[in-house]
Amino acid sequence: MIAAGKAVPQLMVDHGLAVDRVYTGSFMTSLDMEGTVTQF
C-alpha cells in the first residue's frame, strides 16, 4: 500500500492526473484485505 501511495505523485506528473485523496497506512489494514482501488 505504501508503494501505491508513493507512485501517485509520479503518475500525476506523467499523465496530468489530479488526485483528491490518497489513503495509505496501518489504518487501512482494518479492511482485512490487500489491494488498491482506483476511482474515476
C-alpha atoms as a PDB file:
ATOM      1  CA  MET A   1       0.000   0.000   0.000  1.00  0.00           C
ATOM      2  CA  ILE A   2       2.830   2.375   0.761  1.00  0.00           C
ATOM      3  CA  ALA A   3       4.271   1.730  -2.716  1.00  0.00           C
ATOM      4  CA  ALA A   4       0.965   2.772  -4.291  1.00  0.00           C
ATOM      5  CA  GLY A   5       0.959   5.961  -2.229  1.00  0.00           C
ATOM      6  CA  LYS A   6       4.466   6.810  -3.364  1.00  0.00           C
ATOM      7  CA  ALA A   7       3.615   6.148  -7.027  1.00  0.00           C
ATOM      8  CA  VAL A   8       0.706   8.610  -7.116  1.00  0.00           C
ATOM      9  CA  PRO A   9       2.775  11.833  -7.334  1.00  0.00           C
ATOM     10  CA  GLN A  10       4.743  10.427 -10.278  1.00  0.00           C
ATOM     11  CA  LEU A  11       1.549   9.369 -12.055  1.00  0.00           C
ATOM     12  CA  MET A  12       0.173  12.863 -11.551  1.00  0.00           C
ATOM     13  CA  VAL A  13       3.218  14.361 -13.261  1.00  0.00           C
ATOM     14  CA  ASP A  14       3.477  11.771 -16.047  1.00  0.00           C
ATOM     15  CA  HIS A  15      -0.195  11.705 -17.015  1.00  0.00           C
ATOM     16  CA  GLY A  16      -1.524  15.051 -15.809  1.00  0.00           C
ATOM     17  CA  LEU A  17      -3.877  13.457 -13.294  1.00  0.00           C
ATOM     18  CA  ALA A  18      -5.470  15.310 -10.398  1.00  0.00           C
ATOM     19  CA  VAL A  19      -5.763  13.181  -7.252  1.00  0.00           C
ATOM     20  CA  ASP A  20      -8.008  14.369  -4.418  1.00  0.00           C
ATOM     21  CA  ARG A  21      -7.041  11.869  -1.706  1.00  0.00           C
ATOM     22  CA  VAL A  22      -4.600   9.035  -1.180  1.00  0.00           C
ATOM     23  CA  TYR A  23      -5.169   6.812   1.833  1.00  0.00           C
ATOM     24  CA  THR A  24      -2.270   4.618   2.928  1.00  0.00           C
ATOM     25  CA  GLY A  25      -1.042   3.359   6.238  1.00  0.00           C
ATOM     26  CA  SER A  26      -1.911   0.979   9.028  1.00  0.00           C
ATOM     27  CA  PHE A  27      -5.476   2.269   9.410  1.00  0.00           C
ATOM     28  CA  MET A  28      -6.322   0.651   6.074  1.00  0.00           C
ATOM     29  CA  THR A  29      -5.478  -2.842   7.391  1.00  0.00           C
ATOM     30  CA  SER A  30      -8.799  -2.884   9.239  1.00  0.00           C
ATOM     31  CA  LEU A  31     -10.392  -3.773   5.910  1.00  0.00           C
ATOM     32  CA  ASP A  32      -8.797  -7.262   6.223  1.00  0.00           C
ATOM     33  CA  MET A  33      -7.806  -7.375   2.580  1.00  0.00           C
ATOM     34  CA  GLU A  34      -4.965  -6.327   0.351  1.00  0.00           C
ATOM     35  CA  GLY A  35      -5.162  -4.413  -2.892  1.00  0.00           C
ATOM     36  CA  THR A  36      -5.767  -0.990  -4.311  1.00  0.00           C
ATOM     37  CA  VAL A  37      -8.835   0.864  -5.526  1.00  0.00           C
ATOM     38  CA  THR A  38      -8.882   3.451  -8.290  1.00  0.00           C
ATOM     39  CA  GLN A  39     -11.990   5.524  -8.926  1.00  0.00           C
ATOM     40  CA  PHE A  40     -12.524   7.986 -11.742  1.00  0.00           C
END
